[in-house]
Amino acid sequence: MATVNEQLEAMRTLGENWDGYQAAPPGPSVLDLAQQLVGLIEHMLQQQKAGSILHVSPTRTGGVLIEWQNRLLEHEVEISSDGAIGFLHRHSATGQINTRHFAPQPGVVQAGFLQELRQSLAA
């Protein structure tokens, strides 16, 4: 099976209408950001010895979805085609869902983004 980075690299070859339903391919900047974020998540999960497995997939709107789960929560991070980043956390036992959204700001890491990521990985 291909690694997460190999899967992200393969997404660079997707063309318009890659799914037969008019899906847009992820752009280079979205894929670059996804690769950086995946590297950070993988490193943090290894440090925690969490054993979580990351999954990545292109979205129909030119973004990338990153998913993983731990003992209590299922996590999704979606990078939109405009660079916005959304988090979704679902509690496995209760089904409670929490979401956060960070609008794109070129060259700026928004307050709360790294905290949200840290909390996602610590849960």
PDB file of N, CA and C in Angstrom:
ATOM      1  N   MET A   1       0.842  -1.178   0.000  1.00  0.00           N
ATOM      2  CA  MET A   1       0.000   0.000   0.000  1.00  0.00           C
ATOM      3  C   MET A   1       0.890   1.246   0.000  1.00  0.00           C
ATOM      4  N   ALA A   2       0.469   2.258  -0.714  1.00  0.00           N
ATOM      5  CA  ALA A   2       1.230   3.499  -0.819  1.00  0.00           C
ATOM      6  C   ALA A   2       1.202   4.265   0.502  1.00  0.00           C
ATOM      7  N   THR A   3       2.300   4.945   0.796  1.00  0.00           N
ATOM      8  CA  THR A   3       2.353   5.773   2.000  1.00  0.00           C
ATOM      9  C   THR A   3       1.469   7.003   1.793  1.00  0.00           C
ATOM     10  N   VAL A   4       1.215   7.714   2.881  1.00  0.00           N
ATOM     11  CA  VAL A   4       0.407   8.924   2.807  1.00  0.00           C
ATOM     12  C   VAL A   4       1.067   9.943   1.875  1.00  0.00           C
ATOM     13  N   ASN A   5       2.379  10.115   1.981  1.00  0.00           N
ATOM     14  CA  ASN A   5       3.066  11.056   1.096  1.00  0.00           C
ATOM     15  C   ASN A   5       3.005  10.616  -0.355  1.00  0.00           C
ATOM     16  N   GLU A   6       3.111   9.325  -0.612  1.00  0.00           N
ATOM     17  CA  GLU A   6       2.980   8.823  -1.982  1.00  0.00           C
ATOM     18  C   GLU A   6       1.579   9.078  -2.523  1.00  0.00           C
ATOM     19  N   GLN A   7       0.577   8.936  -1.666  1.00  0.00           N
ATOM     20  CA  GLN A   7      -0.801   9.206  -2.078  1.00  0.00           C
ATOM     21  C   GLN A   7      -0.986  10.688  -2.406  1.00  0.00           C
ATOM     22  N   LEU A   8      -0.397  11.556  -1.571  1.00  0.00           N
ATOM     23  CA  LEU A   8      -0.483  12.989  -1.846  1.00  0.00           C
ATOM     24  C   LEU A   8       0.234  13.336  -3.151  1.00  0.00           C
ATOM     25  N   GLU A   9       1.390  12.745  -3.384  1.00  0.00           N
ATOM     26  CA  GLU A   9       2.112  12.981  -4.642  1.00  0.00           C
ATOM     27  C   GLU A   9       1.283  12.516  -5.835  1.00  0.00           C
ATOM     28  N   ALA A  10       0.608  11.389  -5.694  1.00  0.00           N
ATOM     29  CA  ALA A  10      -0.227  10.874  -6.782  1.00  0.00           C
ATOM     30  C   ALA A  10      -1.379  11.832  -7.099  1.00  0.00           C
ATOM     31  N   MET A  11      -1.845  12.563  -6.095  1.00  0.00           N
ATOM     32  CA  MET A  11      -2.929  13.524  -6.319  1.00  0.00           C
ATOM     33  C   MET A  11      -2.496  14.652  -7.246  1.00  0.00           C
ATOM     34  N   ARG A  12      -1.193  14.879  -7.371  1.00  0.00           N
ATOM     35  CA  ARG A  12      -0.688  15.932  -8.269  1.00  0.00           C
ATOM     36  C   ARG A  12      -0.985  15.616  -9.737  1.00  0.00           C
ATOM     37  N   THR A  13      -1.243  14.355 -10.033  1.00  0.00           N
ATOM     38  CA  THR A  13      -1.517  13.954 -11.417  1.00  0.00           C
ATOM     39  C   THR A  13      -3.003  13.944 -11.756  1.00  0.00           C
ATOM     40  N   LEU A  14      -3.851  14.222 -10.772  1.00  0.00           N
ATOM     41  CA  LEU A  14      -5.289  14.233 -11.039  1.00  0.00           C
ATOM     42  C   LEU A  14      -5.636  15.388 -11.965  1.00  0.00           C
ATOM     43  N   GLY A  15      -6.505  15.119 -12.902  1.00  0.00           N
ATOM     44  CA  GLY A  15      -6.974  16.166 -13.809  1.00  0.00           C
ATOM     45  C   GLY A  15      -8.385  16.588 -13.449  1.00  0.00           C
ATOM     46  N   GLU A  16      -8.872  17.575 -14.176  1.00  0.00           N
ATOM     47  CA  GLU A  16     -10.265  17.987 -13.988  1.00  0.00           C
ATOM     48  C   GLU A  16     -11.174  16.781 -14.214  1.00  0.00           C
ATOM     49  N   ASN A  17     -12.261  16.741 -13.486  1.00  0.00           N
ATOM     50  CA  ASN A  17     -13.248  15.662 -13.622  1.00  0.00           C
ATOM     51  C   ASN A  17     -12.648  14.300 -13.270  1.00  0.00           C
ATOM     52  N   TRP A  18     -11.719  14.267 -12.298  1.00  0.00           N
ATOM     53  CA  TRP A  18     -11.015  13.027 -11.952  1.00  0.00           C
ATOM     54  C   TRP A  18     -11.933  11.927 -11.452  1.00  0.00           C
ATOM     55  N   ASP A  19     -13.120  12.297 -10.950  1.00  0.00           N
ATOM     56  CA  ASP A  19     -14.042  11.276 -10.440  1.00  0.00           C
ATOM     57  C   ASP A  19     -15.208  10.996 -11.387  1.00  0.00           C
ATOM     58  N   GLY A  20     -15.222  11.665 -12.542  1.00  0.00           N
ATOM     59  CA  GLY A  20     -16.320  11.479 -13.492  1.00  0.00           C
ATOM     60  C   GLY A  20     -17.546  12.306 -13.151  1.00  0.00           C
ATOM     61  N   TYR A  21     -17.472  13.095 -12.075  1.00  0.00           N
ATOM     62  CA  TYR A  21     -18.592  13.931 -11.641  1.00  0.00           C
ATOM     63  C   TYR A  21     -18.171  15.389 -11.487  1.00  0.00           C
ATOM     64  N   GLN A  22     -17.257  15.830 -12.331  1.00  0.00           N
ATOM     65  CA  GLN A  22     -16.796  17.223 -12.389  1.00  0.00           C
ATOM     66  C   GLN A  22     -15.955  17.659 -11.189  1.00  0.00           C
ATOM     67  N   ALA A  23     -15.299  16.729 -10.509  1.00  0.00           N
ATOM     68  CA  ALA A  23     -14.451  17.079  -9.370  1.00  0.00           C
ATOM     69  C   ALA A  23     -13.220  17.843  -9.826  1.00  0.00           C
ATOM     70  N   ALA A  24     -12.839  18.838  -9.013  1.00  0.00           N
ATOM     71  CA  ALA A  24     -11.623  19.615  -9.275  1.00  0.00           C
ATOM     72  C   ALA A  24     -10.442  18.942  -8.577  1.00  0.00           C
ATOM     73  N   PRO A  25      -9.281  18.933  -9.203  1.00  0.00           N
ATOM     74  CA  PRO A  25      -8.097  18.354  -8.557  1.00  0.00           C
ATOM     75  C   PRO A  25      -7.518  19.320  -7.518  1.00  0.00           C
ATOM     76  N   PRO A  26      -6.868  18.809  -6.484  1.00  0.00           N
ATOM     77  CA  PRO A  26      -6.187  19.704  -5.538  1.00  0.00           C
ATOM     78  C   PRO A  26      -5.046  20.434  -6.239  1.00  0.00           C
ATOM     79  N   GLY A  27      -4.905  21.711  -5.942  1.00  0.00           N
ATOM     80  CA  GLY A  27      -3.827  22.501  -6.524  1.00  0.00           C
ATOM     81  C   GLY A  27      -2.510  22.262  -5.802  1.00  0.00           C
ATOM     82  N   PRO A  28      -1.411  22.701  -6.413  1.00  0.00           N
ATOM     83  CA  PRO A  28      -0.085  22.500  -5.825  1.00  0.00           C
ATOM     84  C   PRO A  28       0.056  23.080  -4.416  1.00  0.00           C
ATOM     85  N   SER A  29      -0.488  24.270  -4.166  1.00  0.00           N
ATOM     86  CA  SER A  29      -0.334  24.871  -2.832  1.00  0.00           C
ATOM     87  C   SER A  29      -1.120  24.087  -1.780  1.00  0.00           C
ATOM     88  N   VAL A  30      -2.265  23.548  -2.155  1.00  0.00           N
ATOM     89  CA  VAL A  30      -3.054  22.723  -1.229  1.00  0.00           C
ATOM     90  C   VAL A  30      -2.292  21.442  -0.912  1.00  0.00           C
ATOM     91  N   LEU A  31      -1.712  20.826  -1.927  1.00  0.00           N
ATOM     92  CA  LEU A  31      -0.956  19.595  -1.713  1.00  0.00           C
ATOM     93  C   LEU A  31       0.314  19.846  -0.915  1.00  0.00           C
ATOM     94  N   ASP A  32       0.977  20.976  -1.148  1.00  0.00           N
ATOM     95  CA  ASP A  32       2.166  21.321  -0.362  1.00  0.00           C
ATOM     96  C   ASP A  32       1.799  21.480   1.107  1.00  0.00           C
ATOM     97  N   LEU A  33       0.703  22.201   1.377  1.00  0.00           N
ATOM     98  CA  LEU A  33       0.250  22.391   2.753  1.00  0.00           C
ATOM     99  C   LEU A  33      -0.145  21.058   3.383  1.00  0.00           C
ATOM    100  N   ALA A  34      -0.831  20.210   2.622  1.00  0.00           N
ATOM    101  CA  ALA A  34      -1.233  18.890   3.133  1.00  0.00           C
ATOM    102  C   ALA A  34      -0.007  18.057   3.494  1.00  0.00           C
ATOM    103  N   GLN A  35       1.029  18.087   2.657  1.00  0.00           N
ATOM    104  CA  GLN A  35       2.235  17.320   2.952  1.00  0.00           C
ATOM    105  C   GLN A  35       2.913  17.820   4.223  1.00  0.00           C
ATOM    106  N   GLN A  36       2.966  19.121   4.391  1.00  0.00           N
ATOM    107  CA  GLN A  36       3.573  19.675   5.601  1.00  0.00           C
ATOM    108  C   GLN A  36       2.761  19.310   6.840  1.00  0.00           C
ATOM    109  N   LEU A  37       1.449  19.413   6.726  1.00  0.00           N
ATOM    110  CA  LEU A  37       0.584  19.094   7.855  1.00  0.00           C
ATOM    111  C   LEU A  37       0.638  17.605   8.195  1.00  0.00           C
ATOM    112  N   VAL A  38       0.650  16.758   7.189  1.00  0.00           N
ATOM    113  CA  VAL A  38       0.770  15.311   7.411  1.00  0.00           C
ATOM    114  C   VAL A  38       2.089  14.990   8.106  1.00  0.00           C
ATOM    115  N   GLY A  39       3.175  15.622   7.672  1.00  0.00           N
ATOM    116  CA  GLY A  39       4.464  15.389   8.320  1.00  0.00           C
ATOM    117  C   GLY A  39       4.430  15.757   9.790  1.00  0.00           C
ATOM    118  N   LEU A  40       3.816  16.884  10.099  1.00  0.00           N
ATOM    119  CA  LEU A  40       3.699  17.327  11.490  1.00  0.00           C
ATOM    120  C   LEU A  40       2.831  16.370  12.304  1.00  0.00           C
ATOM    121  N   ILE A  41       1.692  15.984  11.755  1.00  0.00           N
ATOM    122  CA  ILE A  41       0.793  15.061  12.461  1.00  0.00           C
ATOM    123  C   ILE A  41       1.483  13.718  12.695  1.00  0.00           C
ATOM    124  N   GLU A  42       2.124  13.179  11.661  1.00  0.00           N
ATOM    125  CA  GLU A  42       2.814  11.891  11.814  1.00  0.00           C
ATOM    126  C   GLU A  42       3.897  11.968  12.882  1.00  0.00           C
ATOM    127  N   HIS A  43       4.663  13.042  12.874  1.00  0.00           N
ATOM    128  CA  HIS A  43       5.726  13.196  13.869  1.00  0.00           C
ATOM    129  C   HIS A  43       5.144  13.234  15.286  1.00  0.00           C
ATOM    130  N   MET A  44       4.091  14.004  15.466  1.00  0.00           N
ATOM    131  CA  MET A  44       3.486  14.110  16.795  1.00  0.00           C
ATOM    132  C   MET A  44       2.867  12.791  17.239  1.00  0.00           C
ATOM    133  N   LEU A  45       2.248  12.078  16.325  1.00  0.00           N
ATOM    134  CA  LEU A  45       1.659  10.775  16.674  1.00  0.00           C
ATOM    135  C   LEU A  45       2.746   9.761  17.033  1.00  0.00           C
ATOM    136  N   GLN A  46       3.877   9.805  16.328  1.00  0.00           N
ATOM    137  CA  GLN A  46       4.995   8.906  16.654  1.00  0.00           C
ATOM    138  C   GLN A  46       5.555   9.221  18.030  1.00  0.00           C
ATOM    139  N   GLN A  47       5.660  10.498  18.365  1.00  0.00           N
ATOM    140  CA  GLN A  47       6.166  10.892  19.675  1.00  0.00           C
ATOM    141  C   GLN A  47       5.251  10.386  20.791  1.00  0.00           C
ATOM    142  N   GLN A  48       3.954  10.341  20.511  1.00  0.00           N
ATOM    143  CA  GLN A  48       2.982   9.874  21.499  1.00  0.00           C
ATOM    144  C   GLN A  48       2.826   8.359  21.490  1.00  0.00           C
ATOM    145  N   LYS A  49       3.473   7.714  20.507  1.00  0.00           N
ATOM    146  CA  LYS A  49       3.324   6.269  20.323  1.00  0.00           C
ATOM    147  C   LYS A  49       1.844   5.873  20.254  1.00  0.00           C
ATOM    148  N   ALA A  50       1.091   6.699  19.516  1.00  0.00           N
ATOM    149  CA  ALA A  50      -0.359   6.528  19.431  1.00  0.00           C
ATOM    150  C   ALA A  50      -0.770   5.380  18.513  1.00  0.00           C
ATOM    151  N   GLY A  51       0.053   5.059  17.526  1.00  0.00           N
ATOM    152  CA  GLY A  51      -0.293   3.978  16.610  1.00  0.00           C
ATOM    153  C   GLY A  51      -1.423   4.306  15.656  1.00  0.00           C
ATOM    154  N   SER A  52      -1.786   5.574  15.556  1.00  0.00           N
ATOM    155  CA  SER A  52      -2.848   5.978  14.640  1.00  0.00           C
ATOM    156  C   SER A  52      -2.350   5.943  13.207  1.00  0.00           C
ATOM    157  N   ILE A  53      -3.246   5.638  12.301  1.00  0.00           N
ATOM    158  CA  ILE A  53      -2.918   5.593  10.883  1.00  0.00           C
ATOM    159  C   ILE A  53      -3.641   6.739  10.192  1.00  0.00           C
ATOM    160  N   LEU A  54      -2.886   7.512   9.425  1.00  0.00           N
ATOM    161  CA  LEU A  54      -3.477   8.619   8.675  1.00  0.00           C
ATOM    162  C   LEU A  54      -4.015   8.121   7.341  1.00  0.00           C
ATOM    163  N   HIS A  55      -5.104   8.735   6.925  1.00  0.00           N
ATOM    164  CA  HIS A  55      -5.687   8.490   5.610  1.00  0.00           C
ATOM    165  C   HIS A  55      -5.846   9.844   4.927  1.00  0.00           C
ATOM    166  N   VAL A  56      -5.540   9.912   3.661  1.00  0.00           N
ATOM    167  CA  VAL A  56      -5.723  11.144   2.897  1.00  0.00           C
ATOM    168  C   VAL A  56      -6.554  10.852   1.658  1.00  0.00           C
ATOM    169  N   SER A  57      -7.317  11.857   1.245  1.00  0.00           N
ATOM    170  CA  SER A  57      -8.092  11.718   0.016  1.00  0.00           C
ATOM    171  C   SER A  57      -8.366  13.103  -0.552  1.00  0.00           C
ATOM    172  N   PRO A  58      -8.483  13.181  -1.878  1.00  0.00           N
ATOM    173  CA  PRO A  58      -8.843  14.462  -2.479  1.00  0.00           C
ATOM    174  C   PRO A  58     -10.332  14.721  -2.242  1.00  0.00           C
ATOM    175  N   THR A  59     -10.703  15.988  -2.150  1.00  0.00           N
ATOM    176  CA  THR A  59     -12.125  16.319  -2.068  1.00  0.00           C
ATOM    177  C   THR A  59     -12.609  16.691  -3.468  1.00  0.00           C
ATOM    178  N   ARG A  60     -13.902  16.713  -3.648  1.00  0.00           N
ATOM    179  CA  ARG A  60     -14.465  17.039  -4.960  1.00  0.00           C
ATOM    180  C   ARG A  60     -14.242  18.500  -5.349  1.00  0.00           C
ATOM    181  N   THR A  61     -13.950  19.342  -4.342  1.00  0.00           N
ATOM    182  CA  THR A  61     -13.843  20.781  -4.591  1.00  0.00           C
ATOM    183  C   THR A  61     -12.398  21.269  -4.635  1.00  0.00           C
ATOM    184  N   GLY A  62     -11.442  20.364  -4.865  1.00  0.00           N
ATOM    185  CA  GLY A  62     -10.051  20.757  -5.009  1.00  0.00           C
ATOM    186  C   GLY A  62      -9.276  20.847  -3.710  1.00  0.00           C
ATOM    187  N   GLY A  63      -9.760  20.204  -2.684  1.00  0.00           N
ATOM    188  CA  GLY A  63      -9.079  20.196  -1.400  1.00  0.00           C
ATOM    189  C   GLY A  63      -8.515  18.825  -1.082  1.00  0.00           C
ATOM    190  N   VAL A  64      -8.042  18.695   0.157  1.00  0.00           N
ATOM    191  CA  VAL A  64      -7.511  17.419   0.648  1.00  0.00           C
ATOM    192  C   VAL A  64      -8.089  17.171   2.033  1.00  0.00           C
ATOM    193  N   LEU A  65      -8.489  15.937   2.271  1.00  0.00           N
ATOM    194  CA  LEU A  65      -9.011  15.514   3.569  1.00  0.00           C
ATOM    195  C   LEU A  65      -7.987  14.594   4.231  1.00  0.00           C
ATOM    196  N   ILE A  66      -7.656  14.882   5.491  1.00  0.00           N
ATOM    197  CA  ILE A  66      -6.739  14.064   6.289  1.00  0.00           C
ATOM    198  C   ILE A  66      -7.549  13.510   7.451  1.00  0.00           C
ATOM    199  N   GLU A  67      -7.500  12.194   7.658  1.00  0.00           N
ATOM    200  CA  GLU A  67      -8.292  11.564   8.710  1.00  0.00           C
ATOM    201  C   GLU A  67      -7.433  10.628   9.543  1.00  0.00           C
ATOM    202  N   TRP A  68      -7.756  10.541  10.832  1.00  0.00           N
ATOM    203  CA  TRP A  68      -7.163   9.554  11.730  1.00  0.00           C
ATOM    204  C   TRP A  68      -8.062   9.433  12.943  1.00  0.00           C
ATOM    205  N   GLN A  69      -7.825   8.419  13.728  1.00  0.00           N
ATOM    206  CA  GLN A  69      -8.586   8.267  14.970  1.00  0.00           C
ATOM    207  C   GLN A  69      -7.683   7.747  16.066  1.00  0.00           C
ATOM    208  N   ASN A  70      -8.096   8.022  17.278  1.00  0.00           N
ATOM    209  CA  ASN A  70      -7.411   7.473  18.439  1.00  0.00           C
ATOM    210  C   ASN A  70      -8.452   6.765  19.295  1.00  0.00           C
ATOM    211  N   ARG A  71      -8.120   6.458  20.512  1.00  0.00           N
ATOM    212  CA  ARG A  71      -9.034   5.649  21.322  1.00  0.00           C
ATOM    213  C   ARG A  71     -10.379   6.304  21.578  1.00  0.00           C
ATOM    214  N   LEU A  72     -10.454   7.632  21.611  1.00  0.00           N
ATOM    215  CA  LEU A  72     -11.703   8.314  21.929  1.00  0.00           C
ATOM    216  C   LEU A  72     -12.320   9.122  20.796  1.00  0.00           C
ATOM    217  N   LEU A  73     -11.495   9.607  19.888  1.00  0.00           N
ATOM    218  CA  LEU A  73     -11.987  10.553  18.894  1.00  0.00           C
ATOM    219  C   LEU A  73     -11.601  10.173  17.469  1.00  0.00           C
ATOM    220  N   GLU A  74     -12.484  10.550  16.554  1.00  0.00           N
ATOM    221  CA  GLU A  74     -12.188  10.482  15.130  1.00  0.00           C
ATOM    222  C   GLU A  74     -11.924  11.919  14.689  1.00  0.00           C
ATOM    223  N   HIS A  75     -10.865  12.126  13.911  1.00  0.00           N
ATOM    224  CA  HIS A  75     -10.470  13.470  13.509  1.00  0.00           C
ATOM    225  C   HIS A  75     -10.472  13.598  12.000  1.00  0.00           C
ATOM    226  N   GLU A  76     -10.892  14.762  11.530  1.00  0.00           N
ATOM    227  CA  GLU A  76     -10.801  15.115  10.121  1.00  0.00           C
ATOM    228  C   GLU A  76     -10.244  16.521  10.026  1.00  0.00           C
ATOM    229  N   VAL A  77      -9.289  16.701   9.140  1.00  0.00           N
ATOM    230  CA  VAL A  77      -8.785  18.030   8.810  1.00  0.00           C
ATOM    231  C   VAL A  77      -8.972  18.181   7.306  1.00  0.00           C
ATOM    232  N   GLU A  78      -9.724  19.200   6.923  1.00  0.00           N
ATOM    233  CA  GLU A  78      -9.931  19.453   5.505  1.00  0.00           C
ATOM    234  C   GLU A  78      -9.235  20.745   5.114  1.00  0.00           C
ATOM    235  N   ILE A  79      -8.391  20.647   4.116  1.00  0.00           N
ATOM    236  CA  ILE A  79      -7.746  21.820   3.541  1.00  0.00           C
ATOM    237  C   ILE A  79      -8.514  22.136   2.265  1.00  0.00           C
ATOM    238  N   SER A  80      -9.153  23.287   2.248  1.00  0.00           N
ATOM    239  CA  SER A  80      -9.956  23.687   1.091  1.00  0.00           C
ATOM    240  C   SER A  80      -9.077  24.239  -0.019  1.00  0.00           C
ATOM    241  N   SER A  81      -9.651  24.351  -1.195  1.00  0.00           N
ATOM    242  CA  SER A  81      -8.891  24.835  -2.349  1.00  0.00           C
ATOM    243  C   SER A  81      -8.376  26.260  -2.152  1.00  0.00           C
ATOM    244  N   ASP A  82      -9.012  27.035  -1.273  1.00  0.00           N
ATOM    245  CA  ASP A  82      -8.554  28.404  -1.014  1.00  0.00           C
ATOM    246  C   ASP A  82      -7.568  28.484   0.150  1.00  0.00           C
ATOM    247  N   GLY A  83      -7.210  27.344   0.730  1.00  0.00           N
ATOM    248  CA  GLY A  83      -6.260  27.311   1.831  1.00  0.00           C
ATOM    249  C   GLY A  83      -6.889  27.347   3.207  1.00  0.00           C
ATOM    250  N   ALA A  84      -8.211  27.444   3.280  1.00  0.00           N
ATOM    251  CA  ALA A  84      -8.897  27.386   4.571  1.00  0.00           C
ATOM    252  C   ALA A  84      -8.719  25.987   5.153  1.00  0.00           C
ATOM    253  N   ILE A  85      -8.681  25.917   6.477  1.00  0.00           N
ATOM    254  CA  ILE A  85      -8.509  24.626   7.147  1.00  0.00           C
ATOM    255  C   ILE A  85      -9.647  24.433   8.138  1.00  0.00           C
ATOM    256  N   GLY A  86     -10.314  23.298   8.023  1.00  0.00           N
ATOM    257  CA  GLY A  86     -11.401  22.967   8.934  1.00  0.00           C
ATOM    258  C   GLY A  86     -11.080  21.702   9.703  1.00  0.00           C
ATOM    259  N   PHE A  87     -11.409  21.721  10.986  1.00  0.00           N
ATOM    260  CA  PHE A  87     -11.240  20.551  11.850  1.00  0.00           C
ATOM    261  C   PHE A  87     -12.612  20.007  12.216  1.00  0.00           C
ATOM    262  N   LEU A  88     -12.754  18.701  12.266  1.00  0.00           N
ATOM    263  CA  LEU A  88     -13.942  18.049  12.769  1.00  0.00           C
ATOM    264  C   LEU A  88     -13.471  16.944  13.703  1.00  0.00           C
ATOM    265  N   HIS A  89     -14.031  16.920  14.910  1.00  0.00           N
ATOM    266  CA  HIS A  89     -13.701  15.898  15.896  1.00  0.00           C
ATOM    267  C   HIS A  89     -15.004  15.238  16.322  1.00  0.00           C
ATOM    268  N   ARG A  90     -15.058  13.919  16.233  1.00  0.00           N
ATOM    269  CA  ARG A  90     -16.256  13.172  16.626  1.00  0.00           C
ATOM    270  C   ARG A  90     -15.881  12.213  17.738  1.00  0.00           C
ATOM    271  N   HIS A  91     -16.581  12.326  18.863  1.00  0.00           N
ATOM    272  CA  HIS A  91     -16.354  11.437  19.993  1.00  0.00           C
ATOM    273  C   HIS A  91     -16.950  10.072  19.646  1.00  0.00           C
ATOM    274  N   SER A  92     -16.145   9.033  19.692  1.00  0.00           N
ATOM    275  CA  SER A  92     -16.573   7.695  19.268  1.00  0.00           C
ATOM    276  C   SER A  92     -17.720   7.146  20.092  1.00  0.00           C
ATOM    277  N   ALA A  93     -17.731   7.400  21.386  1.00  0.00           N
ATOM    278  CA  ALA A  93     -18.760   6.828  22.257  1.00  0.00           C
ATOM    279  C   ALA A  93     -20.061   7.624  22.232  1.00  0.00           C
ATOM    280  N   THR A  94     -19.957   8.954  22.251  1.00  0.00           N
ATOM    281  CA  THR A  94     -21.163   9.784  22.348  1.00  0.00           C
ATOM    282  C   THR A  94     -21.673  10.294  21.007  1.00  0.00           C
ATOM    283  N   GLY A  95     -20.811  10.308  20.002  1.00  0.00           N
ATOM    284  CA  GLY A  95     -21.195  10.851  18.707  1.00  0.00           C
ATOM    285  C   GLY A  95     -21.157  12.369  18.644  1.00  0.00           C
ATOM    286  N   GLN A  96     -20.768  13.021  19.751  1.00  0.00           N
ATOM    287  CA  GLN A  96     -20.691  14.476  19.778  1.00  0.00           C
ATOM    288  C   GLN A  96     -19.645  14.959  18.783  1.00  0.00           C
ATOM    289  N   ILE A  97     -20.014  15.990  18.027  1.00  0.00           N
ATOM    290  CA  ILE A  97     -19.129  16.540  17.003  1.00  0.00           C
ATOM    291  C   ILE A  97     -18.776  17.983  17.344  1.00  0.00           C
ATOM    292  N   ASN A  98     -17.497  18.295  17.253  1.00  0.00           N
ATOM    293  CA  ASN A  98     -17.004  19.658  17.412  1.00  0.00           C
ATOM    294  C   ASN A  98     -16.257  20.039  16.141  1.00  0.00           C
ATOM    295  N   THR A  99     -16.441  21.276  15.719  1.00  0.00           N
ATOM    296  CA  THR A  99     -15.762  21.741  14.513  1.00  0.00           C
ATOM    297  C   THR A  99     -15.098  23.091  14.778  1.00  0.00           C
ATOM    298  N   ARG A 100     -14.064  23.373  14.009  1.00  0.00           N
ATOM    299  CA  ARG A 100     -13.379  24.671  14.016  1.00  0.00           C
ATOM    300  C   ARG A 100     -12.994  24.971  12.568  1.00  0.00           C
ATOM    301  N   HIS A 101     -12.938  26.233  12.242  1.00  0.00           N
ATOM    302  CA  HIS A 101     -12.588  26.642  10.885  1.00  0.00           C
ATOM    303  C   HIS A 101     -11.605  27.801  10.956  1.00  0.00           C
ATOM    304  N   PHE A 102     -10.561  27.716  10.138  1.00  0.00           N
ATOM    305  CA  PHE A 102      -9.550  28.765  10.059  1.00  0.00           C
ATOM    306  C   PHE A 102      -9.487  29.259   8.620  1.00  0.00           C
ATOM    307  N   ALA A 103      -9.852  30.523   8.429  1.00  0.00           N
ATOM    308  CA  ALA A 103      -9.839  31.121   7.096  1.00  0.00           C
ATOM    309  C   ALA A 103      -8.400  31.335   6.645  1.00  0.00           C
ATOM    310  N   PRO A 104      -8.176  31.296   5.349  1.00  0.00           N
ATOM    311  CA  PRO A 104      -6.805  31.460   4.856  1.00  0.00           C
ATOM    312  C   PRO A 104      -6.290  32.884   5.075  1.00  0.00           C
ATOM    313  N   GLN A 105      -5.064  32.975   5.541  1.00  0.00           N
ATOM    314  CA  GLN A 105      -4.360  34.241   5.675  1.00  0.00           C
ATOM    315  C   GLN A 105      -2.927  33.974   5.243  1.00  0.00           C
ATOM    316  N   PRO A 106      -2.575  34.335   4.013  1.00  0.00           N
ATOM    317  CA  PRO A 106      -1.236  34.026   3.499  1.00  0.00           C
ATOM    318  C   PRO A 106      -0.119  34.461   4.442  1.00  0.00           C
ATOM    319  N   GLY A 107       0.777  33.522   4.733  1.00  0.00           N
ATOM    320  CA  GLY A 107       1.945  33.818   5.556  1.00  0.00           C
ATOM    321  C   GLY A 107       1.660  33.955   7.038  1.00  0.00           C
ATOM    322  N   VAL A 108       0.429  33.642   7.469  1.00  0.00           N
ATOM    323  CA  VAL A 108       0.064  33.816   8.871  1.00  0.00           C
ATOM    324  C   VAL A 108      -0.521  32.513   9.413  1.00  0.00           C
ATOM    325  N   VAL A 109      -0.018  32.084  10.570  1.00  0.00           N
ATOM    326  CA  VAL A 109      -0.641  30.968  11.279  1.00  0.00           C
ATOM    327  C   VAL A 109      -1.597  31.597  12.274  1.00  0.00           C
ATOM    328  N   GLN A 110      -2.876  31.306  12.124  1.00  0.00           N
ATOM    329  CA  GLN A 110      -3.881  31.942  12.957  1.00  0.00           C
ATOM    330  C   GLN A 110      -3.812  31.464  14.399  1.00  0.00           C
ATOM    331  N   ALA A 111      -4.147  32.383  15.297  1.00  0.00           N
ATOM    332  CA  ALA A 111      -4.221  32.028  16.711  1.00  0.00           C
ATOM    333  C   ALA A 111      -5.216  30.886  16.871  1.00  0.00           C
ATOM    334  N   GLY A 112      -4.847  29.912  17.597  1.00  0.00           N
ATOM    335  CA  GLY A 112      -5.724  28.777  17.859  1.00  0.00           C
ATOM    336  C   GLY A 112      -5.487  27.591  16.954  1.00  0.00           C
ATOM    337  N   PHE A 113      -4.884  27.803  15.780  1.00  0.00           N
ATOM    338  CA  PHE A 113      -4.694  26.693  14.845  1.00  0.00           C
ATOM    339  C   PHE A 113      -3.783  25.619  15.426  1.00  0.00           C
ATOM    340  N   LEU A 114      -2.601  26.013  15.889  1.00  0.00           N
ATOM    341  CA  LEU A 114      -1.673  25.020  16.440  1.00  0.00           C
ATOM    342  C   LEU A 114      -2.214  24.411  17.724  1.00  0.00           C
ATOM    343  N   GLN A 115      -2.943  25.202  18.510  1.00  0.00           N
ATOM    344  CA  GLN A 115      -3.568  24.666  19.720  1.00  0.00           C
ATOM    345  C   GLN A 115      -4.606  23.614  19.344  1.00  0.00           C
ATOM    346  N   GLU A 116      -5.398  23.885  18.320  1.00  0.00           N
ATOM    347  CA  GLU A 116      -6.403  22.927  17.855  1.00  0.00           C
ATOM    348  C   GLU A 116      -5.735  21.638  17.401  1.00  0.00           C
ATOM    349  N   LEU A 117      -4.648  21.759  16.670  1.00  0.00           N
ATOM    350  CA  LEU A 117      -3.919  20.585  16.208  1.00  0.00           C
ATOM    351  C   LEU A 117      -3.338  19.812  17.383  1.00  0.00           C
ATOM    352  N   ARG A 118      -2.735  20.528  18.320  1.00  0.00           N
ATOM    353  CA  ARG A 118      -2.153  19.877  19.500  1.00  0.00           C
ATOM    354  C   ARG A 118      -3.222  19.127  20.282  1.00  0.00           C
ATOM    355  N   GLN A 119      -4.377  19.735  20.480  1.00  0.00           N
ATOM    356  CA  GLN A 119      -5.467  19.078  21.210  1.00  0.00           C
ATOM    357  C   GLN A 119      -5.988  17.856  20.450  1.00  0.00           C
ATOM    358  N   SER A 120      -6.002  17.944  19.129  1.00  0.00           N
ATOM    359  CA  SER A 120      -6.439  16.804  18.316  1.00  0.00           C
ATOM    360  C   SER A 120      -5.526  15.609  18.514  1.00  0.00           C
ATOM    361  N   LEU A 121      -4.252  15.890  18.603  1.00  0.00           N
ATOM    362  CA  LEU A 121      -3.271  14.810  18.713  1.00  0.00           C
ATOM    363  C   LEU A 121      -3.135  14.303  20.134  1.00  0.00           C
ATOM    364  N   ALA A 122      -3.476  15.107  21.108  1.00  0.00           N
ATOM    365  CA  ALA A 122      -3.331  14.705  22.511  1.00  0.00           C
ATOM    366  C   ALA A 122      -4.517  13.891  22.991  1.00  0.00           C
ATOM    367  N   ALA A 123      -5.643  13.991  22.324  1.00  0.00           N
ATOM    368  CA  ALA A 123      -6.862  13.310  22.783  1.00  0.00           C
ATOM    369  C   ALA A 123      -6.758  11.816  22.661  1.00  0.00           C
TER     370      ALA A 123
END
